[in-house]
Amino acid sequence: MYVVLILIVVAIVLGPSLWVKRVLAKHGKNIPTMPGTGGELADHLIKRFGLGDVKVEQTELGDHYDDNDKMVRLTAPHFQGKSLSAIAVAAHEVGHAIQFHRNEPIARLRKRLTPAAITVERVAIFILMAAPAVAAVLKVPQSGLLIAAVGVIAMLSSVFIQLLVLPLEFDASFNKALPILIDGEYITDDQVEAVREVLRAAAWTYVAGTLASLLRF
């Protein structure tokens, strides 16, 4: 029974992250006829939409937009690649840059909640790491379990905060990136559904990553 419960929890926690990776890999094959790379598209869109001093760079820390540094950061496959995943992810991150440039309400909410999510996650990590030591010092196993439970709740709170700003992700994908790619004819009609799938995965990246982080402990 306990094994089944553990497997269910692992599936719930790790499933979204595996799905995101599968979708990105599925559409990650380079297309020779693609006019440019993801990095080149991002740079082009930044100029097209007049996003001021926003820049593009390659990163190893995951695809994201950093409004503090005004930087669209793309991983190597998406910065250098000419795949549908590269094009869609680049457009998604530029979509975030557009949101913050326009100071849209959901972007302002993200600015307020992101520091809270980071703080809660750090506290949760500390609590989870401290639980075994506390149990050993007090020589009361139940105390360690209680502290660990508090840590898990704190980590889940971080996931909840990410869910609150999920509309920001879907807006970047489906109100920004997809119309831009279709109306600008950056993709063909037969590529739309594949790009839509990638954009859906991109929208869930932060939630999936936060859930997956639970398994570190």
C-alpha atoms as a PDB file:
ATOM      1  CA  MET A   1       0.000   0.000   0.000  1.00  0.00           C
ATOM      2  CA  TYR A   2       2.746   2.425   0.997  1.00  0.00           C
ATOM      3  CA  VAL A   3       4.727   1.560  -2.129  1.00  0.00           C
ATOM      4  CA  VAL A   4       1.703   2.372  -4.281  1.00  0.00           C
ATOM      5  CA  LEU A   5       1.219   5.706  -2.496  1.00  0.00           C
ATOM      6  CA  ILE A   6       4.885   6.571  -2.952  1.00  0.00           C
ATOM      7  CA  LEU A   7       4.696   5.750  -6.662  1.00  0.00           C
ATOM      8  CA  ILE A   8       1.592   7.932  -7.025  1.00  0.00           C
ATOM      9  CA  VAL A   9       3.297  10.848  -5.270  1.00  0.00           C
ATOM     10  CA  VAL A  10       6.425  10.456  -7.415  1.00  0.00           C
ATOM     11  CA  ALA A  11       4.278  10.376 -10.566  1.00  0.00           C
ATOM     12  CA  ILE A  12       2.434  13.550  -9.540  1.00  0.00           C
ATOM     13  CA  VAL A  13       5.627  15.359  -8.583  1.00  0.00           C
ATOM     14  CA  LEU A  14       7.925  14.187 -11.377  1.00  0.00           C
ATOM     15  CA  GLY A  15       5.363  13.605 -14.140  1.00  0.00           C
ATOM     16  CA  PRO A  16       4.980  17.247 -15.292  1.00  0.00           C
ATOM     17  CA  SER A  17       8.757  17.724 -15.530  1.00  0.00           C
ATOM     18  CA  LEU A  18       9.184  14.546 -17.583  1.00  0.00           C
ATOM     19  CA  TRP A  19       6.306  15.613 -19.838  1.00  0.00           C
ATOM     20  CA  VAL A  20       7.883  19.035 -20.467  1.00  0.00           C
ATOM     21  CA  LYS A  21      11.228  17.419 -21.352  1.00  0.00           C
ATOM     22  CA  ARG A  22       9.519  14.889 -23.632  1.00  0.00           C
ATOM     23  CA  VAL A  23       7.629  17.578 -25.547  1.00  0.00           C
ATOM     24  CA  LEU A  24      10.722  19.757 -26.006  1.00  0.00           C
ATOM     25  CA  ALA A  25      12.751  16.757 -27.176  1.00  0.00           C
ATOM     26  CA  LYS A  26       9.950  15.616 -29.492  1.00  0.00           C
ATOM     27  CA  HIS A  27      10.049  18.905 -31.401  1.00  0.00           C
ATOM     28  CA  GLY A  28      13.757  19.574 -30.878  1.00  0.00           C
ATOM     29  CA  LYS A  29      15.009  18.359 -34.254  1.00  0.00           C
ATOM     30  CA  ASN A  30      16.635  21.097 -36.329  1.00  0.00           C
ATOM     31  CA  ILE A  31      14.796  22.126 -39.486  1.00  0.00           C
ATOM     32  CA  PRO A  32      17.273  23.127 -42.254  1.00  0.00           C
ATOM     33  CA  THR A  33      14.731  25.454 -43.889  1.00  0.00           C
ATOM     34  CA  MET A  34      14.122  27.434 -40.680  1.00  0.00           C
ATOM     35  CA  PRO A  35      15.248  31.034 -41.415  1.00  0.00           C
ATOM     36  CA  GLY A  36      17.105  31.480 -38.133  1.00  0.00           C
ATOM     37  CA  THR A  37      17.927  30.148 -34.696  1.00  0.00           C
ATOM     38  CA  GLY A  38      15.933  30.688 -31.531  1.00  0.00           C
ATOM     39  CA  GLY A  39      18.452  33.290 -30.403  1.00  0.00           C
ATOM     40  CA  GLU A  40      18.202  35.155 -33.696  1.00  0.00           C
ATOM     41  CA  LEU A  41      14.405  35.110 -33.563  1.00  0.00           C
ATOM     42  CA  ALA A  42      14.419  36.438 -29.997  1.00  0.00           C
ATOM     43  CA  ASP A  43      16.761  39.274 -30.990  1.00  0.00           C
ATOM     44  CA  HIS A  44      14.592  40.062 -34.014  1.00  0.00           C
ATOM     45  CA  LEU A  45      11.370  40.139 -31.961  1.00  0.00           C
ATOM     46  CA  ILE A  46      12.942  42.338 -29.295  1.00  0.00           C
ATOM     47  CA  LYS A  47      13.781  44.889 -31.976  1.00  0.00           C
ATOM     48  CA  ARG A  48      10.442  44.473 -33.731  1.00  0.00           C
ATOM     49  CA  PHE A  49       8.474  45.229 -30.569  1.00  0.00           C
ATOM     50  CA  GLY A  50      10.789  48.003 -29.407  1.00  0.00           C
ATOM     51  CA  LEU A  51      11.715  46.411 -26.100  1.00  0.00           C
ATOM     52  CA  GLY A  52      14.437  48.936 -25.388  1.00  0.00           C
ATOM     53  CA  ASP A  53      17.565  47.564 -23.759  1.00  0.00           C
ATOM     54  CA  VAL A  54      16.422  43.918 -23.550  1.00  0.00           C
ATOM     55  CA  LYS A  55      19.158  41.557 -24.761  1.00  0.00           C
ATOM     56  CA  VAL A  56      19.489  37.842 -25.535  1.00  0.00           C
ATOM     57  CA  GLU A  57      22.145  35.462 -24.258  1.00  0.00           C
ATOM     58  CA  GLN A  58      22.844  31.754 -23.933  1.00  0.00           C
ATOM     59  CA  THR A  59      22.578  30.175 -20.486  1.00  0.00           C
ATOM     60  CA  GLU A  60      22.958  26.844 -18.719  1.00  0.00           C
ATOM     61  CA  LEU A  61      20.367  27.743 -16.067  1.00  0.00           C
ATOM     62  CA  GLY A  62      17.190  27.081 -18.040  1.00  0.00           C
ATOM     63  CA  ASP A  63      15.188  29.209 -20.448  1.00  0.00           C
ATOM     64  CA  HIS A  64      13.821  32.326 -18.752  1.00  0.00           C
ATOM     65  CA  TYR A  65      13.381  36.080 -18.907  1.00  0.00           C
ATOM     66  CA  ASP A  66      15.142  38.118 -16.218  1.00  0.00           C
ATOM     67  CA  ASP A  67      13.493  41.515 -15.911  1.00  0.00           C
ATOM     68  CA  ASN A  68      16.106  42.771 -13.452  1.00  0.00           C
ATOM     69  CA  ASP A  69      18.866  42.283 -16.021  1.00  0.00           C
ATOM     70  CA  LYS A  70      16.527  42.871 -18.997  1.00  0.00           C
ATOM     71  CA  MET A  71      17.761  39.607 -20.458  1.00  0.00           C
ATOM     72  CA  VAL A  72      16.124  36.801 -22.423  1.00  0.00           C
ATOM     73  CA  ARG A  73      18.167  33.720 -21.580  1.00  0.00           C
ATOM     74  CA  LEU A  74      17.980  30.575 -23.698  1.00  0.00           C
ATOM     75  CA  THR A  75      19.678  27.216 -23.259  1.00  0.00           C
ATOM     76  CA  ALA A  76      22.074  26.104 -25.996  1.00  0.00           C
ATOM     77  CA  PRO A  77      19.557  23.937 -27.923  1.00  0.00           C
ATOM     78  CA  HIS A  78      17.105  26.841 -28.040  1.00  0.00           C
ATOM     79  CA  PHE A  79      19.646  29.640 -28.539  1.00  0.00           C
ATOM     80  CA  GLN A  80      21.566  27.899 -31.308  1.00  0.00           C
ATOM     81  CA  GLY A  81      18.896  25.533 -32.611  1.00  0.00           C
ATOM     82  CA  LYS A  82      16.568  25.859 -35.586  1.00  0.00           C
ATOM     83  CA  SER A  83      13.907  23.524 -34.235  1.00  0.00           C
ATOM     84  CA  LEU A  84      10.253  24.206 -33.473  1.00  0.00           C
ATOM     85  CA  SER A  85      11.106  23.933 -29.778  1.00  0.00           C
ATOM     86  CA  ALA A  86      13.809  26.592 -30.178  1.00  0.00           C
ATOM     87  CA  ILE A  87      11.521  28.974 -32.052  1.00  0.00           C
ATOM     88  CA  ALA A  88       8.562  28.488 -29.706  1.00  0.00           C
ATOM     89  CA  VAL A  89      10.580  28.800 -26.490  1.00  0.00           C
ATOM     90  CA  ALA A  90      12.342  31.916 -27.786  1.00  0.00           C
ATOM     91  CA  ALA A  91       8.999  33.522 -28.642  1.00  0.00           C
ATOM     92  CA  HIS A  92       7.596  32.510 -25.231  1.00  0.00           C
ATOM     93  CA  GLU A  93      10.446  34.204 -23.360  1.00  0.00           C
ATOM     94  CA  VAL A  94      10.149  37.324 -25.510  1.00  0.00           C
ATOM     95  CA  GLY A  95       6.452  37.209 -24.613  1.00  0.00           C
ATOM     96  CA  HIS A  96       7.514  37.665 -20.988  1.00  0.00           C
ATOM     97  CA  ALA A  97       9.728  40.585 -21.976  1.00  0.00           C
ATOM     98  CA  ILE A  98       6.705  42.183 -23.661  1.00  0.00           C
ATOM     99  CA  GLN A  99       4.592  41.680 -20.520  1.00  0.00           C
ATOM    100  CA  PHE A 100       7.129  43.431 -18.300  1.00  0.00           C
ATOM    101  CA  HIS A 101       7.870  46.146 -20.870  1.00  0.00           C
ATOM    102  CA  ARG A 102       4.159  46.987 -20.944  1.00  0.00           C
ATOM    103  CA  ASN A 103       3.971  46.697 -17.139  1.00  0.00           C
ATOM    104  CA  GLU A 104       0.938  44.433 -17.424  1.00  0.00           C
ATOM    105  CA  PRO A 105      -0.917  43.597 -14.153  1.00  0.00           C
ATOM    106  CA  ILE A 106       0.061  39.916 -14.202  1.00  0.00           C
ATOM    107  CA  ALA A 107       3.722  40.913 -14.626  1.00  0.00           C
ATOM    108  CA  ARG A 108       3.469  43.215 -11.604  1.00  0.00           C
ATOM    109  CA  LEU A 109       1.969  40.318  -9.619  1.00  0.00           C
ATOM    110  CA  ARG A 110       4.866  38.091 -10.676  1.00  0.00           C
ATOM    111  CA  LYS A 111       7.348  40.706  -9.469  1.00  0.00           C
ATOM    112  CA  ARG A 112       5.723  40.715  -6.041  1.00  0.00           C
ATOM    113  CA  LEU A 113       5.316  36.951  -5.693  1.00  0.00           C
ATOM    114  CA  THR A 114       8.619  35.664  -7.085  1.00  0.00           C
ATOM    115  CA  PRO A 115      10.734  36.829  -4.100  1.00  0.00           C
ATOM    116  CA  ALA A 116       8.182  35.217  -1.780  1.00  0.00           C
ATOM    117  CA  ALA A 117       8.374  31.923  -3.676  1.00  0.00           C
ATOM    118  CA  ILE A 118      12.174  31.928  -3.516  1.00  0.00           C
ATOM    119  CA  THR A 119      12.159  32.698   0.215  1.00  0.00           C
ATOM    120  CA  VAL A 120       9.597  29.999   0.977  1.00  0.00           C
ATOM    121  CA  GLU A 121      11.548  27.415  -1.027  1.00  0.00           C
ATOM    122  CA  ARG A 122      14.807  28.285   0.765  1.00  0.00           C
ATOM    123  CA  VAL A 123      13.102  28.015   4.147  1.00  0.00           C
ATOM    124  CA  ALA A 124      11.622  24.672   3.127  1.00  0.00           C
ATOM    125  CA  ILE A 125      15.035  23.366   2.065  1.00  0.00           C
ATOM    126  CA  PHE A 126      16.556  24.439   5.390  1.00  0.00           C
ATOM    127  CA  ILE A 127      13.758  22.795   7.364  1.00  0.00           C
ATOM    128  CA  LEU A 128      14.005  19.541   5.429  1.00  0.00           C
ATOM    129  CA  MET A 129      17.778  19.429   5.848  1.00  0.00           C
ATOM    130  CA  ALA A 130      17.501  20.168   9.572  1.00  0.00           C
ATOM    131  CA  ALA A 131      14.826  17.554  10.306  1.00  0.00           C
ATOM    132  CA  PRO A 132      17.154  14.504  10.678  1.00  0.00           C
ATOM    133  CA  ALA A 133      19.590  16.447  12.882  1.00  0.00           C
ATOM    134  CA  VAL A 134      16.806  17.703  15.148  1.00  0.00           C
ATOM    135  CA  ALA A 135      15.400  14.186  15.488  1.00  0.00           C
ATOM    136  CA  ALA A 136      18.862  12.843  16.373  1.00  0.00           C
ATOM    137  CA  VAL A 137      19.539  15.548  18.979  1.00  0.00           C
ATOM    138  CA  LEU A 138      16.143  15.248  20.623  1.00  0.00           C
ATOM    139  CA  LYS A 139      16.151  11.469  20.231  1.00  0.00           C
ATOM    140  CA  VAL A 140      12.498  11.691  19.289  1.00  0.00           C
ATOM    141  CA  PRO A 141      11.912  10.361  15.743  1.00  0.00           C
ATOM    142  CA  GLN A 142       8.460  11.924  15.662  1.00  0.00           C
ATOM    143  CA  SER A 143       9.976  15.400  15.964  1.00  0.00           C
ATOM    144  CA  GLY A 144      11.951  14.849  12.785  1.00  0.00           C
ATOM    145  CA  LEU A 145       8.846  13.711  10.955  1.00  0.00           C
ATOM    146  CA  LEU A 146       6.920  16.749  12.189  1.00  0.00           C
ATOM    147  CA  ILE A 147       9.635  19.154  11.077  1.00  0.00           C
ATOM    148  CA  ALA A 148       9.914  17.375   7.723  1.00  0.00           C
ATOM    149  CA  ALA A 149       6.145  17.693   7.291  1.00  0.00           C
ATOM    150  CA  VAL A 150       6.412  21.438   7.912  1.00  0.00           C
ATOM    151  CA  GLY A 151       9.172  21.597   5.302  1.00  0.00           C
ATOM    152  CA  VAL A 152       7.080  19.751   2.734  1.00  0.00           C
ATOM    153  CA  ILE A 153       4.148  22.083   3.400  1.00  0.00           C
ATOM    154  CA  ALA A 154       6.450  25.065   2.884  1.00  0.00           C
ATOM    155  CA  MET A 155       7.696  23.574  -0.386  1.00  0.00           C
ATOM    156  CA  LEU A 156       4.125  22.985  -1.538  1.00  0.00           C
ATOM    157  CA  SER A 157       3.407  26.624  -0.709  1.00  0.00           C
ATOM    158  CA  SER A 158       6.110  27.551  -3.208  1.00  0.00           C
ATOM    159  CA  VAL A 159       4.331  25.413  -5.810  1.00  0.00           C
ATOM    160  CA  PHE A 160       1.064  27.187  -4.966  1.00  0.00           C
ATOM    161  CA  ILE A 161       2.700  30.577  -5.524  1.00  0.00           C
ATOM    162  CA  GLN A 162       3.894  29.382  -8.938  1.00  0.00           C
ATOM    163  CA  LEU A 163       0.338  28.301  -9.747  1.00  0.00           C
ATOM    164  CA  LEU A 164      -0.910  31.798  -8.896  1.00  0.00           C
ATOM    165  CA  VAL A 165       1.212  33.279 -11.665  1.00  0.00           C
ATOM    166  CA  LEU A 166       0.504  30.488 -14.158  1.00  0.00           C
ATOM    167  CA  PRO A 167      -1.760  32.888 -16.129  1.00  0.00           C
ATOM    168  CA  LEU A 168       1.414  34.890 -16.861  1.00  0.00           C
ATOM    169  CA  GLU A 169       2.906  31.810 -18.508  1.00  0.00           C
ATOM    170  CA  PHE A 170      -0.175  31.035 -20.578  1.00  0.00           C
ATOM    171  CA  ASP A 171      -0.441  34.673 -21.640  1.00  0.00           C
ATOM    172  CA  ALA A 172       3.194  34.605 -22.794  1.00  0.00           C
ATOM    173  CA  SER A 173       2.518  31.427 -24.771  1.00  0.00           C
ATOM    174  CA  PHE A 174      -0.945  31.912 -26.225  1.00  0.00           C
ATOM    175  CA  ASN A 175      -1.632  35.663 -26.196  1.00  0.00           C
ATOM    176  CA  LYS A 176       1.881  36.683 -27.170  1.00  0.00           C
ATOM    177  CA  ALA A 177       4.098  33.984 -28.713  1.00  0.00           C
ATOM    178  CA  LEU A 178       1.563  31.988 -30.742  1.00  0.00           C
ATOM    179  CA  PRO A 179      -0.140  34.985 -32.435  1.00  0.00           C
ATOM    180  CA  ILE A 180       3.284  36.513 -33.121  1.00  0.00           C
ATOM    181  CA  LEU A 181       4.549  33.328 -34.754  1.00  0.00           C
ATOM    182  CA  ILE A 182       1.376  32.763 -36.792  1.00  0.00           C
ATOM    183  CA  ASP A 183       0.642  36.350 -37.852  1.00  0.00           C
ATOM    184  CA  GLY A 184       4.297  37.019 -38.619  1.00  0.00           C
ATOM    185  CA  GLU A 185       4.445  33.824 -40.693  1.00  0.00           C
ATOM    186  CA  TYR A 186       7.465  32.598 -38.757  1.00  0.00           C
ATOM    187  CA  ILE A 187       5.910  29.126 -38.858  1.00  0.00           C
ATOM    188  CA  THR A 188       3.842  27.305 -41.469  1.00  0.00           C
ATOM    189  CA  ASP A 189       0.262  26.116 -41.041  1.00  0.00           C
ATOM    190  CA  ASP A 190       1.345  22.511 -40.598  1.00  0.00           C
ATOM    191  CA  GLN A 191       3.693  23.528 -37.755  1.00  0.00           C
ATOM    192  CA  VAL A 192       1.078  25.333 -35.665  1.00  0.00           C
ATOM    193  CA  GLU A 193      -0.101  22.345 -33.616  1.00  0.00           C
ATOM    194  CA  ALA A 194       3.439  21.264 -32.788  1.00  0.00           C
ATOM    195  CA  VAL A 195       4.334  24.802 -31.732  1.00  0.00           C
ATOM    196  CA  ARG A 196       1.149  24.987 -29.671  1.00  0.00           C
ATOM    197  CA  GLU A 197       2.241  21.822 -27.841  1.00  0.00           C
ATOM    198  CA  VAL A 198       5.688  23.273 -27.138  1.00  0.00           C
ATOM    199  CA  LEU A 199       4.182  26.530 -25.882  1.00  0.00           C
ATOM    200  CA  ARG A 200       1.900  24.590 -23.555  1.00  0.00           C
ATOM    201  CA  ALA A 201       4.938  22.804 -22.142  1.00  0.00           C
ATOM    202  CA  ALA A 202       6.819  26.095 -21.831  1.00  0.00           C
ATOM    203  CA  ALA A 203       3.932  27.534 -19.820  1.00  0.00           C
ATOM    204  CA  TRP A 204       4.188  24.698 -17.289  1.00  0.00           C
ATOM    205  CA  THR A 205       7.985  24.753 -16.970  1.00  0.00           C
ATOM    206  CA  TYR A 206       8.179  26.677 -13.678  1.00  0.00           C
ATOM    207  CA  VAL A 207       5.479  24.630 -11.964  1.00  0.00           C
ATOM    208  CA  ALA A 208       7.028  21.395 -13.232  1.00  0.00           C
ATOM    209  CA  GLY A 209      10.458  22.455 -12.021  1.00  0.00           C
ATOM    210  CA  THR A 210       9.184  23.416  -8.581  1.00  0.00           C
ATOM    211  CA  LEU A 211       7.355  20.102  -8.230  1.00  0.00           C
ATOM    212  CA  ALA A 212      10.419  18.144  -9.345  1.00  0.00           C
ATOM    213  CA  SER A 213      12.519  19.929  -6.716  1.00  0.00           C
ATOM    214  CA  LEU A 214      10.465  18.165  -4.038  1.00  0.00           C
ATOM    215  CA  LEU A 215      12.180  14.893  -4.952  1.00  0.00           C
ATOM    216  CA  ARG A 216      15.591  16.253  -3.993  1.00  0.00           C
ATOM    217  CA  PHE A 217      14.626  15.550  -0.427  1.00  0.00           C
END
